[in-house]
Amino acid sequence: MSACDCTPEVAGLKPYEEAVDLLLSHAKPMQDRETLRLHDALGRVLAAPVKSAINVPGWDNSAMDGYAVRVADIAAEGTKLKISQRIPAGIAPQPLAPGTAARIFTGAPVPEGADAVVMQELTCQQDDEVIINTIPQPGAHIRRAGEDIRAGAKIIQPGERLLPQHLGLAASVGVGDLQVWRRPRVAILASGDELQMPGEPLEPGMIYNSNIFTIAGMLRSLGCEVIDLGQVEDTLEATKQALLDAAAQSDLVIASGGVSVGEEDHVKPAVEALGELNMWKVAIRPGKPVAFGHVSETPFIGTPGNPVSLFVTFLLFARPFIRKLAGLSEVLPRSTQATAGFEWNKPDKRREFHRARLEKQADGSDIVHVHPSRSSAVLSSTTWANGLVILPENQTIQPGDKVQFLPFCELLS
């Protein structure tokens, strides 16, 4: 072995699962609640259970357009009954007179005395009478009171991110206001004198600041309130001041760049000076120099400056931390199993989360292809991909092998 061996090692790097557990142990769910009208609650995280004060349906009602009848009145197919009343939805019916039928419509209350509904396609109306062409079973096409929801039932549990169907469900039991957790406030900043904002002429040696837009977009997709503090001068004092400003107005601080070992990487020493660094360097690829700590009392996540490393480490570490902070009941991403459509003969000593595309085969099976570049600077690979494939440490993969896939639709929500 030469005196200068630069082969990447995993000694001293925290395993992925341990790193996630460490972050989650420091994530304290929000305590501040807000009460919102249903129209304003979409995408928010429910803080208190939604209970129903009513039965749904509130009464026995017809599941079909047809005729409400007593089964005992229909001795045989072709029985003719007098139509004694017409019951549209929204009308309280009279009890059903023996030996008669009631014209009834979908959702309308079933009259007292009726024990079945015959759909209109199985009948024939003649003036004020109806011919019943089938013998119904008791209870046919009747939706019973409380069949969907019983009064007193908890219909939505705390920790759910409210989807349109949740809002509809709450409305169906007459609930107009929901208690939700306050949105997490996340302050973001980017380190690097070489960064220039899009829309400006690019100076020699400069690059456009894509990271701040990637982070902000991912945070908004998670329902966060974003505090964009922009770019930080590459000095220790400027970095310390920016971190203090960020910590004072947020629930979480995220910085891109400055957490590696270069002479111009000031974020790590700044965090150590202002609080504590609980984690630095994880045994993954890309994104080894991901950091977690506290600035004063505010949690801090430091992502690498390379755009793909930033993207991946945010999804793997910041996302579950933020989901727990937001009060969500499920914080970890769910993977799906698929078939490898690629060969992987040079595995890393670290677990790799590679950009990949899941595609549906003609036979309905799922197959995964990987992006040809392993570079953490190829941001275009994140738009080519629709997820990340998990490549275990020191393990080769052949086409046809089973692999775990993390879809972006799961990771970006």
Protein backbone atom coordinates (compact mmCIF):
# COMPACT_ATOMS: atom_id res chain seq x y z
CA MET A 1 0.00 0.00 0.00
CA SER A 2 1.38 3.41 -0.91
CA ALA A 3 1.88 6.17 1.63
CA CYS A 4 -1.07 8.04 0.13
CA ASP A 5 -3.98 5.67 -0.32
CA CYS A 6 -7.01 7.60 -1.55
CA THR A 7 -9.37 4.62 -1.89
CA PRO A 8 -12.75 5.57 -0.35
CA GLU A 9 -13.36 3.75 2.93
CA VAL A 10 -16.45 3.46 5.12
CA ALA A 11 -14.61 3.45 8.44
CA GLY A 12 -15.92 6.29 10.56
CA LEU A 13 -18.98 6.83 8.36
CA LYS A 14 -22.38 6.42 9.97
CA PRO A 15 -24.55 3.70 8.41
CA TYR A 16 -27.65 4.96 6.63
CA GLU A 17 -30.22 3.52 9.05
CA GLU A 18 -28.35 4.87 12.07
CA ALA A 19 -28.16 8.30 10.48
CA VAL A 20 -31.91 8.39 9.83
CA ASP A 21 -32.66 7.19 13.37
CA LEU A 22 -30.40 9.90 14.79
CA LEU A 23 -32.17 12.65 12.88
CA LEU A 24 -35.62 11.39 13.80
CA SER A 25 -34.69 11.18 17.48
CA HIS A 26 -34.11 14.97 17.36
CA ALA A 27 -37.25 15.82 15.37
CA LYS A 28 -39.87 17.28 17.70
CA PRO A 29 -43.38 17.46 16.19
CA MET A 30 -45.01 20.87 15.94
CA GLN A 31 -47.04 22.06 18.95
CA ASP A 32 -48.77 25.10 17.42
CA ARG A 33 -52.27 24.50 16.04
CA GLU A 34 -54.41 26.48 13.65
CA THR A 35 -58.11 26.21 12.93
CA LEU A 36 -58.92 26.42 9.22
CA ARG A 37 -62.06 26.32 7.12
CA LEU A 38 -62.28 23.29 4.83
CA HIS A 39 -61.44 25.35 1.72
CA ASP A 40 -58.09 26.34 3.30
CA ALA A 41 -57.08 22.98 4.79
CA LEU A 42 -55.93 21.09 1.68
CA GLY A 43 -52.42 19.70 2.15
CA ARG A 44 -52.22 20.57 5.84
CA VAL A 45 -51.55 18.02 8.59
CA LEU A 46 -54.49 17.22 10.85
CA ALA A 47 -53.84 17.93 14.54
CA ALA A 48 -57.08 16.67 16.13
CA PRO A 49 -59.35 13.77 15.16
CA VAL A 50 -62.45 14.46 13.12
CA LYS A 51 -65.53 12.87 14.72
CA SER A 52 -68.95 12.43 13.20
CA ALA A 53 -71.98 13.64 15.15
CA ILE A 54 -74.34 11.94 12.69
CA ASN A 55 -74.96 8.67 10.91
CA VAL A 56 -74.09 8.56 7.21
CA PRO A 57 -76.45 7.85 5.56
CA GLY A 58 -78.77 9.50 8.06
CA TRP A 59 -81.65 7.20 7.05
CA ASP A 60 -82.30 4.12 4.93
CA ASN A 61 -82.15 5.30 1.33
CA SER A 62 -82.43 3.94 -2.16
CA ALA A 63 -79.30 2.94 -4.06
CA MET A 64 -81.22 2.96 -7.36
CA ASP A 65 -83.94 4.67 -9.32
CA GLY A 66 -86.88 2.29 -9.09
CA TYR A 67 -89.76 1.28 -6.82
CA ALA A 68 -89.84 0.77 -3.06
CA VAL A 69 -91.94 -2.28 -2.18
CA ARG A 70 -92.86 -4.82 0.49
CA VAL A 71 -91.37 -8.15 -0.56
CA ALA A 72 -94.41 -9.91 0.92
CA ASP A 73 -96.65 -8.08 -1.56
CA ILE A 74 -94.90 -9.68 -4.57
CA ALA A 75 -96.11 -13.24 -4.84
CA ALA A 76 -94.76 -13.83 -8.34
CA GLU A 77 -93.02 -12.20 -11.26
CA GLY A 78 -95.40 -9.89 -13.06
CA THR A 79 -97.18 -8.73 -9.89
CA LYS A 80 -98.98 -5.43 -10.48
CA LEU A 81 -98.96 -2.77 -7.70
CA LYS A 82 -100.59 0.63 -7.45
CA ILE A 83 -98.10 3.54 -7.24
CA SER A 84 -99.06 5.29 -4.01
CA GLN A 85 -96.43 8.06 -3.87
CA ARG A 86 -93.41 9.57 -5.60
CA ILE A 87 -90.23 10.05 -3.51
CA PRO A 88 -87.42 12.20 -4.96
CA ALA A 89 -84.29 12.91 -2.93
CA GLY A 90 -84.82 15.54 -0.27
CA ILE A 91 -88.47 14.63 0.42
CA ALA A 92 -89.72 12.95 3.63
CA PRO A 93 -91.98 10.08 2.49
CA GLN A 94 -95.23 8.78 3.94
CA PRO A 95 -95.35 5.18 5.23
CA LEU A 96 -95.83 2.72 2.38
CA ALA A 97 -99.47 1.59 2.14
CA PRO A 98 -99.81 -2.23 2.02
CA GLY A 99 -100.16 -3.63 -1.48
CA THR A 100 -98.65 -0.55 -3.15
CA ALA A 101 -95.26 0.60 -4.50
CA ALA A 102 -93.55 3.98 -4.22
CA ARG A 103 -91.71 5.51 -7.16
CA ILE A 104 -88.30 6.30 -5.64
CA PHE A 105 -85.05 7.88 -6.84
CA THR A 106 -81.41 7.35 -5.92
CA GLY A 107 -80.60 8.77 -2.49
CA ALA A 108 -84.23 9.29 -1.48
CA PRO A 109 -85.41 8.01 1.93
CA VAL A 110 -87.01 4.56 1.87
CA PRO A 111 -90.54 4.82 3.26
CA GLU A 112 -91.50 3.07 6.47
CA GLY A 113 -92.88 -0.38 5.64
CA ALA A 114 -90.81 -0.91 2.49
CA ASP A 115 -88.08 -3.55 2.71
CA ALA A 116 -86.68 -3.60 -0.85
CA VAL A 117 -86.16 -1.44 -3.92
CA VAL A 118 -86.69 -2.90 -7.39
CA MET A 119 -84.58 -1.13 -10.01
CA GLN A 120 -86.67 0.49 -12.74
CA GLU A 121 -85.14 -1.65 -15.50
CA LEU A 122 -86.92 -4.66 -13.97
CA THR A 123 -90.32 -2.99 -13.96
CA CYS A 124 -92.91 -1.64 -16.35
CA GLN A 125 -95.08 1.35 -15.43
CA GLN A 126 -98.66 1.53 -16.76
CA ASP A 127 -100.43 4.76 -15.80
CA ASP A 128 -100.65 4.70 -11.97
CA GLU A 129 -99.54 1.08 -11.64
CA VAL A 130 -96.23 -0.74 -11.93
CA ILE A 131 -95.54 -4.32 -13.01
CA ILE A 132 -92.75 -5.93 -10.97
CA ASN A 133 -90.91 -8.39 -13.22
CA THR A 134 -88.69 -9.92 -10.53
CA ILE A 135 -89.09 -11.07 -6.94
CA PRO A 136 -86.63 -8.96 -4.89
CA GLN A 137 -84.67 -10.13 -1.88
CA PRO A 138 -85.35 -8.31 1.41
CA GLY A 139 -82.97 -5.33 1.68
CA ALA A 140 -82.25 -5.22 -2.05
CA HIS A 141 -80.82 -1.85 -3.19
CA ILE A 142 -81.32 -0.21 0.21
CA ARG A 143 -78.41 1.64 1.83
CA ARG A 144 -78.93 1.40 5.58
CA ALA A 145 -78.65 4.30 8.02
CA GLY A 146 -75.08 4.49 9.38
CA GLU A 147 -73.84 2.00 6.80
CA ASP A 148 -70.92 4.31 5.91
CA ILE A 149 -70.32 6.19 9.18
CA ARG A 150 -71.77 5.74 12.65
CA ALA A 151 -72.42 8.73 14.91
CA GLY A 152 -69.48 9.16 17.30
CA ALA A 153 -66.95 7.50 14.99
CA LYS A 154 -63.50 9.02 14.38
CA ILE A 155 -63.37 9.36 10.61
CA ILE A 156 -59.97 11.07 10.13
CA GLN A 157 -57.05 10.53 12.48
CA PRO A 158 -54.39 13.10 13.48
CA GLY A 159 -51.20 12.91 11.45
CA GLU A 160 -52.92 12.66 8.06
CA ARG A 161 -51.98 15.09 5.34
CA LEU A 162 -55.37 16.31 4.20
CA LEU A 163 -56.27 15.25 0.66
CA PRO A 164 -59.36 16.31 -1.28
CA GLN A 165 -61.18 13.15 -0.18
CA HIS A 166 -60.52 13.98 3.48
CA LEU A 167 -62.13 17.37 3.01
CA GLY A 168 -65.12 15.77 1.33
CA LEU A 169 -65.44 13.23 4.15
CA ALA A 170 -65.37 15.97 6.79
CA ALA A 171 -67.98 17.93 4.87
CA SER A 172 -70.21 14.85 4.61
CA VAL A 173 -70.67 14.83 8.39
CA GLY A 174 -71.15 18.59 8.64
CA VAL A 175 -67.67 19.51 9.92
CA GLY A 176 -66.68 22.92 8.53
CA ASP A 177 -63.46 23.65 10.48
CA LEU A 178 -60.37 21.51 11.03
CA GLN A 179 -57.53 21.79 13.54
CA VAL A 180 -54.17 21.48 11.78
CA TRP A 181 -50.55 21.87 12.79
CA ARG A 182 -48.74 25.04 11.83
CA ARG A 183 -46.57 24.66 8.75
CA PRO A 184 -42.88 24.07 9.59
CA ARG A 185 -40.78 27.16 8.89
CA VAL A 186 -37.54 26.19 7.17
CA ALA A 187 -34.76 28.71 6.55
CA ILE A 188 -32.48 27.93 3.61
CA LEU A 189 -29.16 29.38 2.55
CA ALA A 190 -26.45 28.55 0.03
CA SER A 191 -22.72 28.76 0.56
CA GLY A 192 -20.28 29.66 -2.21
CA ASP A 193 -18.80 32.83 -3.69
CA GLU A 194 -18.93 31.17 -7.11
CA LEU A 195 -22.74 31.22 -7.15
CA GLN A 196 -24.70 33.59 -9.34
CA MET A 197 -28.48 34.01 -9.55
CA PRO A 198 -30.30 32.91 -12.71
CA GLY A 199 -31.19 35.72 -15.08
CA GLU A 200 -27.88 37.51 -14.57
CA PRO A 201 -24.94 37.33 -17.01
CA LEU A 202 -22.63 34.50 -16.01
CA GLU A 203 -19.20 35.82 -15.01
CA PRO A 204 -15.99 33.84 -15.60
CA GLY A 205 -15.55 31.10 -13.00
CA MET A 206 -19.13 31.45 -11.75
CA ILE A 207 -22.03 28.98 -11.83
CA TYR A 208 -25.75 29.54 -11.49
CA ASN A 209 -27.26 28.85 -8.09
CA SER A 210 -29.58 25.94 -8.82
CA ASN A 211 -29.47 24.45 -5.34
CA ILE A 212 -31.54 27.12 -3.65
CA PHE A 213 -34.37 26.54 -6.12
CA THR A 214 -34.18 22.76 -5.77
CA ILE A 215 -34.34 22.96 -1.97
CA ALA A 216 -37.12 25.55 -1.94
CA GLY A 217 -39.19 23.49 -4.38
CA MET A 218 -38.81 20.29 -2.37
CA LEU A 219 -39.71 22.10 0.85
CA ARG A 220 -42.86 23.55 -0.68
CA SER A 221 -43.83 20.12 -1.99
CA LEU A 222 -43.67 18.96 1.65
CA GLY A 223 -45.94 21.80 2.77
CA CYS A 224 -43.27 23.95 4.45
CA GLU A 225 -43.08 27.71 4.78
CA VAL A 226 -39.77 28.65 3.14
CA ILE A 227 -37.55 31.45 4.42
CA ASP A 228 -35.00 32.06 1.67
CA LEU A 229 -31.92 33.78 3.07
CA GLY A 230 -30.05 33.57 -0.22
CA GLN A 231 -26.33 33.36 -0.62
CA VAL A 232 -23.70 33.53 2.09
CA GLU A 233 -20.24 35.01 1.65
CA ASP A 234 -17.50 32.39 1.95
CA THR A 235 -16.09 33.55 5.30
CA LEU A 236 -16.48 32.02 8.74
CA GLU A 237 -17.93 35.16 10.30
CA ALA A 238 -20.47 35.70 7.54
CA THR A 239 -21.51 32.05 7.74
CA LYS A 240 -21.93 32.23 11.52
CA GLN A 241 -24.07 35.34 11.28
CA ALA A 242 -26.23 33.86 8.53
CA LEU A 243 -26.81 30.71 10.55
CA LEU A 244 -27.75 32.72 13.64
CA ASP A 245 -30.22 34.79 11.60
CA ALA A 246 -31.68 31.62 10.11
CA ALA A 247 -32.03 29.85 13.45
CA ALA A 248 -33.79 32.81 15.04
CA GLN A 249 -36.72 32.69 12.64
CA SER A 250 -37.20 29.04 11.76
CA ASP A 251 -37.94 25.53 13.01
CA LEU A 252 -35.16 24.07 10.85
CA VAL A 253 -32.14 25.43 9.01
CA ILE A 254 -30.91 23.81 5.79
CA ALA A 255 -27.68 24.86 4.11
CA SER A 256 -26.29 23.66 0.80
CA GLY A 257 -22.52 23.43 0.48
CA GLY A 258 -19.80 24.23 2.96
CA VAL A 259 -19.97 20.96 4.92
CA SER A 260 -17.01 19.19 3.31
CA VAL A 261 -13.34 19.47 4.28
CA GLY A 262 -12.10 22.22 1.97
CA GLU A 263 -10.47 25.43 3.22
CA GLU A 264 -13.50 27.40 1.96
CA ASP A 265 -16.06 25.11 3.62
CA HIS A 266 -17.14 27.20 6.61
CA VAL A 267 -20.56 25.78 7.47
CA LYS A 268 -19.32 22.84 9.53
CA PRO A 269 -17.00 24.89 11.81
CA ALA A 270 -19.66 27.58 12.10
CA VAL A 271 -22.25 25.09 13.35
CA GLU A 272 -19.74 23.64 15.81
CA ALA A 273 -19.00 27.14 17.12
CA LEU A 274 -22.67 28.12 17.49
CA GLY A 275 -24.11 24.87 18.80
CA GLU A 276 -23.22 21.27 18.17
CA LEU A 277 -22.67 18.90 15.27
CA ASN A 278 -24.37 15.59 16.00
CA MET A 279 -23.53 13.86 12.72
CA TRP A 280 -21.14 14.33 9.82
CA LYS A 281 -20.52 11.87 6.99
CA VAL A 282 -22.81 8.96 6.18
CA ALA A 283 -21.95 5.74 4.35
CA ILE A 284 -24.00 6.51 1.24
CA ARG A 285 -23.36 7.55 -2.33
CA PRO A 286 -23.97 10.25 -3.40
CA GLY A 287 -24.02 12.59 -0.42
CA LYS A 288 -21.42 11.31 2.03
CA PRO A 289 -20.77 14.73 3.67
CA VAL A 290 -24.31 15.29 4.96
CA ALA A 291 -24.40 16.95 8.37
CA PHE A 292 -26.88 17.27 11.21
CA GLY A 293 -26.64 19.40 14.31
CA HIS A 294 -28.08 22.42 16.09
CA VAL A 295 -27.51 26.15 15.76
CA SER A 296 -28.37 27.41 19.22
CA GLU A 297 -31.47 25.25 19.81
CA THR A 298 -32.63 25.07 16.18
CA PRO A 299 -32.02 21.84 14.23
CA PHE A 300 -29.64 22.13 11.28
CA ILE A 301 -29.18 19.94 8.20
CA GLY A 302 -26.20 20.54 5.95
CA THR A 303 -26.29 19.07 2.46
CA PRO A 304 -23.40 18.75 0.00
CA GLY A 305 -23.01 21.43 -2.65
CA ASN A 306 -23.08 19.08 -5.64
CA PRO A 307 -26.65 19.30 -6.99
CA VAL A 308 -27.38 15.56 -7.19
CA SER A 309 -25.89 14.94 -3.73
CA LEU A 310 -28.07 17.74 -2.37
CA PHE A 311 -31.16 16.31 -4.05
CA VAL A 312 -30.59 12.78 -2.79
CA THR A 313 -29.60 13.68 0.78
CA PHE A 314 -32.62 15.97 1.11
CA LEU A 315 -34.94 13.14 0.10
CA LEU A 316 -33.26 10.60 2.37
CA PHE A 317 -32.73 12.74 5.48
CA ALA A 318 -34.48 16.12 5.39
CA ARG A 319 -37.78 14.65 4.15
CA PRO A 320 -38.36 12.22 7.06
CA PHE A 321 -37.17 14.86 9.55
CA ILE A 322 -39.63 17.42 8.14
CA ARG A 323 -42.50 14.93 7.99
CA LYS A 324 -42.04 14.15 11.68
CA LEU A 325 -41.69 17.86 12.46
CA ALA A 326 -44.95 18.51 10.58
CA GLY A 327 -46.81 15.95 12.70
CA LEU A 328 -47.31 13.31 10.02
CA SER A 329 -47.90 9.76 11.24
CA GLU A 330 -45.78 8.13 8.50
CA VAL A 331 -42.33 9.62 7.99
CA LEU A 332 -40.22 7.06 6.12
CA PRO A 333 -40.54 6.45 2.36
CA ARG A 334 -42.00 3.21 1.05
CA SER A 335 -40.05 1.36 -1.59
CA THR A 336 -41.40 -0.97 -4.23
CA GLN A 337 -39.78 -4.11 -5.62
CA ALA A 338 -38.96 -4.26 -9.31
CA THR A 339 -36.74 -6.12 -11.76
CA ALA A 340 -33.32 -4.80 -12.70
CA GLY A 341 -32.94 -4.01 -16.38
CA PHE A 342 -29.26 -3.20 -15.91
CA GLU A 343 -25.91 -4.70 -14.94
CA TRP A 344 -24.04 -3.37 -11.90
CA ASN A 345 -20.52 -4.81 -11.76
CA LYS A 346 -18.72 -2.10 -9.79
CA PRO A 347 -20.60 -1.74 -6.51
CA ASP A 348 -19.52 0.83 -3.94
CA LYS A 349 -18.47 0.13 -0.37
CA ARG A 350 -21.26 2.55 0.55
CA ARG A 351 -24.95 2.04 -0.13
CA GLU A 352 -25.83 3.80 -3.34
CA PHE A 353 -29.06 5.58 -4.18
CA HIS A 354 -28.80 5.90 -7.94
CA ARG A 355 -31.06 7.85 -10.28
CA ALA A 356 -33.30 5.38 -12.06
CA ARG A 357 -36.37 5.07 -14.23
CA LEU A 358 -39.13 2.58 -13.52
CA GLU A 359 -40.97 1.45 -16.64
CA LYS A 360 -43.89 -0.89 -17.25
CA GLN A 361 -43.26 -3.88 -19.49
CA ALA A 362 -45.74 -5.26 -22.04
CA ASP A 363 -46.53 -8.12 -19.63
CA GLY A 364 -47.35 -5.64 -16.84
CA SER A 365 -44.16 -6.19 -14.84
CA ASP A 366 -41.95 -3.31 -13.64
CA ILE A 367 -38.37 -2.95 -14.83
CA VAL A 368 -35.75 -0.46 -13.61
CA HIS A 369 -33.11 1.24 -15.74
CA VAL A 370 -30.32 3.37 -14.27
CA HIS A 371 -28.84 6.63 -15.51
CA PRO A 372 -25.45 6.02 -17.15
CA SER A 373 -23.67 8.66 -15.07
CA ARG A 374 -22.75 8.24 -11.41
CA SER A 375 -21.56 11.85 -11.22
CA SER A 376 -23.12 13.95 -8.46
CA ALA A 377 -22.91 17.01 -10.72
CA VAL A 378 -25.26 15.75 -13.46
CA LEU A 379 -28.47 17.44 -12.37
CA SER A 380 -30.24 16.49 -15.61
CA SER A 381 -30.25 12.88 -14.35
CA THR A 382 -32.84 13.86 -11.72
CA THR A 383 -35.33 14.90 -14.40
CA TRP A 384 -34.59 11.84 -16.55
CA ALA A 385 -35.27 9.60 -13.54
CA ASN A 386 -38.58 8.97 -11.80
CA GLY A 387 -37.03 7.60 -8.64
CA LEU A 388 -33.99 6.15 -6.91
CA VAL A 389 -32.88 2.53 -7.02
CA ILE A 390 -31.24 1.21 -3.85
CA LEU A 391 -27.93 -0.52 -4.61
CA PRO A 392 -26.67 -2.41 -1.53
CA GLU A 393 -23.07 -2.15 -0.40
CA ASN A 394 -20.55 -4.45 -2.13
CA GLN A 395 -23.25 -6.22 -4.15
CA THR A 396 -23.24 -6.79 -7.88
CA ILE A 397 -26.55 -6.84 -9.75
CA GLN A 398 -27.43 -8.66 -12.94
CA PRO A 399 -30.41 -8.09 -15.26
CA GLY A 400 -33.40 -9.92 -13.85
CA ASP A 401 -32.38 -9.50 -10.21
CA LYS A 402 -34.91 -7.97 -7.83
CA VAL A 403 -34.14 -4.44 -6.60
CA GLN A 404 -35.81 -1.88 -4.34
CA PHE A 405 -37.04 1.32 -5.96
CA LEU A 406 -38.02 4.62 -4.27
CA PRO A 407 -40.39 6.55 -6.58
CA PHE A 408 -40.18 10.35 -6.66
CA CYS A 409 -43.98 10.51 -6.27
CA GLU A 410 -43.39 9.02 -2.82
CA LEU A 411 -40.25 10.99 -1.95
CA LEU A 412 -41.57 14.41 -2.96
CA SER A 413 -44.71 14.32 -0.80
